[in-house]
Amino acid sequence: MSSFSVTVFCGSNRGADPVYAASAKALGEGLGGRDMRLVFGGGNVGLMGITASAALGAGGKVTGVIPDFLRQREVEFQGLTELIVTDSMHTRKRRLFALGDVFVVMPGGLGTYDETFEILTWKQLGQHQKPIIMVNIAGWAEPFVAMINSSIARGFARPDTCGLFEVQPDVPGLLARLEALRAAV
């Protein structure tokens, strides 16, 4: 296994703007070309499939983690370096967590938000100190950050909650940040 693994949360759909797919491809190529193992949800659909295909195409190692019941719905990705089949979504999330040195949040829907909130909550509760990086492709992360800031302003979250994660503007910025994190390990 590569010494540095990046767990990516992203959409099982491509999104309406082609920049999402282009960014997912750039991310996969960037991880694969830098010998950073991609860990992802295991599906061959949407941004997940694009990222994994690009990482493999760039010579990278890719681990997919998919619950058994989603293997047909999300169409499991064939030809990965490693495919881990779990018995539930909860087990999937625990494996995605355990395998990653850092978490990257790309555009996505409810599943992406679910994974992101869980990993943020675990960090807030002191269960880990791993970096969490949101990538603001075409402004995608802005409503998420606004919601967190609204929770802080209304007294439902601590003022330091925004310190649990960082936001990068694009994939090149993300890849530079990942390089810096790997160098610090």
Protein backbone atom coordinates (compact mmCIF):
# COMPACT_ATOMS: atom_id res chain seq x y z
CA MET A 1 0.00 0.00 0.00
CA SER A 2 1.24 3.50 -0.77
CA SER A 3 2.49 5.22 2.32
CA PHE A 4 0.01 8.10 1.96
CA SER A 5 -3.70 7.41 1.43
CA VAL A 6 -6.35 9.97 0.55
CA THR A 7 -9.98 9.12 1.28
CA VAL A 8 -12.20 11.00 -1.15
CA PHE A 9 -15.89 11.65 -0.55
CA CYS A 10 -17.66 12.69 -3.76
CA GLY A 11 -20.82 12.29 -5.77
CA SER A 12 -22.25 9.13 -7.25
CA ASN A 13 -23.59 11.50 -9.92
CA ARG A 14 -21.58 13.69 -12.30
CA GLY A 15 -23.31 16.95 -11.41
CA ALA A 16 -24.78 19.48 -13.82
CA ASP A 17 -21.60 21.45 -14.55
CA PRO A 18 -18.88 19.69 -16.60
CA VAL A 19 -16.25 21.30 -14.36
CA TYR A 20 -17.13 18.74 -11.66
CA ALA A 21 -16.19 15.78 -13.87
CA ALA A 22 -13.09 17.56 -15.15
CA SER A 23 -12.01 18.26 -11.56
CA ALA A 24 -12.64 14.65 -10.51
CA LYS A 25 -10.47 13.48 -13.42
CA ALA A 26 -7.73 15.95 -12.48
CA LEU A 27 -7.85 14.77 -8.88
CA GLY A 28 -7.54 11.10 -9.86
CA GLU A 29 -4.68 11.82 -12.23
CA GLY A 30 -2.98 13.96 -9.61
CA LEU A 31 -3.22 11.30 -6.90
CA GLY A 32 -2.14 8.49 -9.21
CA GLY A 33 0.78 10.47 -10.60
CA ARG A 34 1.98 11.33 -7.08
CA ASP A 35 1.80 7.79 -5.71
CA MET A 36 -0.95 8.73 -3.28
CA ARG A 37 -3.41 5.88 -2.81
CA LEU A 38 -7.02 6.81 -3.51
CA VAL A 39 -9.56 5.38 -1.09
CA PHE A 40 -13.17 5.90 -2.17
CA GLY A 41 -16.69 4.49 -2.09
CA GLY A 42 -16.06 1.72 -4.61
CA GLY A 43 -18.67 2.64 -7.22
CA ASN A 44 -18.07 3.01 -10.93
CA VAL A 45 -20.58 5.85 -11.21
CA GLY A 46 -20.49 9.63 -11.12
CA LEU A 47 -17.52 11.51 -9.78
CA MET A 48 -16.44 8.41 -7.84
CA GLY A 49 -15.93 6.40 -11.00
CA ILE A 50 -14.25 9.28 -12.83
CA THR A 51 -11.75 9.84 -10.01
CA ALA A 52 -10.92 6.14 -9.68
CA SER A 53 -10.55 5.63 -13.44
CA ALA A 54 -8.20 8.59 -13.70
CA ALA A 55 -6.10 7.45 -10.73
CA LEU A 56 -5.73 3.96 -12.18
CA GLY A 57 -4.96 5.42 -15.61
CA ALA A 58 -2.15 7.45 -14.05
CA GLY A 59 -0.64 4.31 -12.53
CA GLY A 60 -2.03 4.85 -9.05
CA LYS A 61 -3.30 2.43 -6.45
CA VAL A 62 -7.01 2.57 -5.69
CA THR A 63 -8.97 0.97 -2.86
CA GLY A 64 -12.76 0.91 -3.08
CA VAL A 65 -15.03 0.27 -0.10
CA ILE A 66 -18.62 -0.62 -0.94
CA PRO A 67 -21.46 -2.19 1.04
CA ASP A 68 -22.80 -5.40 -0.45
CA PHE A 69 -26.29 -3.98 -1.02
CA LEU A 70 -24.88 -1.14 -3.17
CA ARG A 71 -22.77 -3.34 -5.45
CA GLN A 72 -25.47 -3.36 -8.13
CA ARG A 73 -27.00 0.06 -7.51
CA GLU A 74 -23.69 1.93 -7.67
CA VAL A 75 -22.19 -0.65 -10.03
CA GLU A 76 -19.03 -1.69 -8.23
CA PHE A 77 -15.81 -0.66 -9.90
CA GLN A 78 -14.04 -3.63 -11.51
CA GLY A 79 -10.25 -3.71 -11.75
CA LEU A 80 -9.35 -1.75 -8.63
CA THR A 81 -6.14 -2.45 -6.75
CA GLU A 82 -8.37 -3.56 -3.88
CA LEU A 83 -12.14 -3.79 -3.38
CA ILE A 84 -13.46 -4.16 0.15
CA VAL A 85 -17.09 -5.26 0.46
CA THR A 86 -18.76 -4.36 3.76
CA ASP A 87 -22.00 -5.45 5.39
CA SER A 88 -23.40 -1.92 5.92
CA MET A 89 -22.97 1.78 5.28
CA HIS A 90 -21.69 2.22 8.83
CA THR A 91 -18.98 -0.38 8.29
CA ARG A 92 -18.11 1.29 4.98
CA LYS A 93 -17.62 4.65 6.67
CA ARG A 94 -15.46 3.12 9.40
CA ARG A 95 -13.25 1.50 6.75
CA LEU A 96 -13.02 4.69 4.69
CA PHE A 97 -11.95 6.46 7.88
CA ALA A 98 -9.41 3.84 8.94
CA LEU A 99 -7.73 3.67 5.53
CA GLY A 100 -7.26 7.42 5.00
CA ASP A 101 -4.48 9.70 6.20
CA VAL A 102 -6.47 12.70 5.01
CA PHE A 103 -10.07 13.26 3.87
CA VAL A 104 -10.94 15.17 0.72
CA VAL A 105 -14.49 16.32 0.07
CA MET A 106 -15.34 16.92 -3.57
CA PRO A 107 -18.79 17.94 -4.87
CA GLY A 108 -21.58 15.51 -4.15
CA GLY A 109 -25.03 15.08 -2.68
CA LEU A 110 -26.56 13.62 0.46
CA GLY A 111 -24.11 10.72 0.76
CA THR A 112 -21.16 13.09 0.49
CA TYR A 113 -22.67 15.38 3.11
CA ASP A 114 -23.36 12.42 5.38
CA GLU A 115 -19.77 11.21 5.18
CA THR A 116 -18.45 14.73 5.67
CA PHE A 117 -20.57 15.49 8.71
CA GLU A 118 -19.69 12.20 10.32
CA ILE A 119 -15.94 12.66 9.85
CA LEU A 120 -16.21 16.27 11.11
CA THR A 121 -18.21 15.16 14.14
CA TRP A 122 -15.67 12.47 14.96
CA LYS A 123 -12.92 15.09 14.78
CA GLN A 124 -14.89 17.51 16.96
CA LEU A 125 -15.30 14.72 19.53
CA GLY A 126 -11.56 14.05 19.54
CA GLN A 127 -11.76 10.68 17.78
CA HIS A 128 -9.12 11.73 15.23
CA GLN A 129 -6.93 14.63 14.15
CA LYS A 130 -6.72 13.82 10.45
CA PRO A 131 -6.97 16.73 8.01
CA ILE A 132 -10.31 17.30 6.27
CA ILE A 133 -10.18 19.35 3.08
CA MET A 134 -13.18 20.55 1.10
CA VAL A 135 -12.59 21.49 -2.53
CA ASN A 136 -14.68 24.46 -3.61
CA ILE A 137 -15.21 23.48 -7.25
CA ALA A 138 -17.41 26.14 -8.90
CA GLY A 139 -18.49 27.42 -5.47
CA TRP A 140 -19.83 24.01 -4.39
CA ALA A 141 -18.50 24.23 -0.80
CA GLU A 142 -19.77 27.75 -0.11
CA PRO A 143 -23.29 26.75 1.09
CA PHE A 144 -21.72 24.12 3.38
CA VAL A 145 -19.38 26.68 4.94
CA ALA A 146 -22.27 29.15 5.24
CA MET A 147 -24.33 26.53 7.10
CA ILE A 148 -21.46 25.90 9.54
CA ASN A 149 -21.04 29.65 10.06
CA SER A 150 -24.79 29.98 10.64
CA SER A 151 -24.64 27.26 13.30
CA ILE A 152 -21.79 29.11 14.99
CA ALA A 153 -23.65 32.45 14.83
CA ARG A 154 -26.77 30.87 16.33
CA GLY A 155 -24.83 29.26 19.17
CA PHE A 156 -25.21 25.66 18.00
CA ALA A 157 -21.54 25.15 17.20
CA ARG A 158 -18.37 26.37 18.86
CA PRO A 159 -16.57 29.32 17.26
CA ASP A 160 -13.61 27.06 16.40
CA THR A 161 -15.76 24.62 14.40
CA CYS A 162 -14.49 26.02 11.09
CA GLY A 163 -11.03 24.98 12.24
CA LEU A 164 -12.03 21.33 11.92
CA PHE A 165 -11.65 21.56 8.14
CA GLU A 166 -10.07 23.68 5.46
CA VAL A 167 -11.23 24.73 2.02
CA GLN A 168 -9.11 24.65 -1.11
CA PRO A 169 -10.29 26.59 -4.16
CA ASP A 170 -9.52 23.93 -6.77
CA VAL A 171 -7.72 20.67 -7.49
CA PRO A 172 -4.26 22.22 -8.09
CA GLY A 173 -4.49 23.91 -4.67
CA LEU A 174 -5.63 20.64 -3.13
CA LEU A 175 -2.79 18.64 -4.67
CA ALA A 176 -0.24 21.17 -3.42
CA ARG A 177 -1.75 20.93 0.07
CA LEU A 178 -1.67 17.11 -0.06
CA GLU A 179 2.00 17.22 -1.04
CA ALA A 180 2.70 19.45 1.97
CA LEU A 181 0.76 17.13 4.29
CA ARG A 182 2.60 14.06 3.01
CA ALA A 183 5.97 15.82 3.45
CA ALA A 184 5.06 16.59 7.08
CA VAL A 185 4.34 12.93 7.92
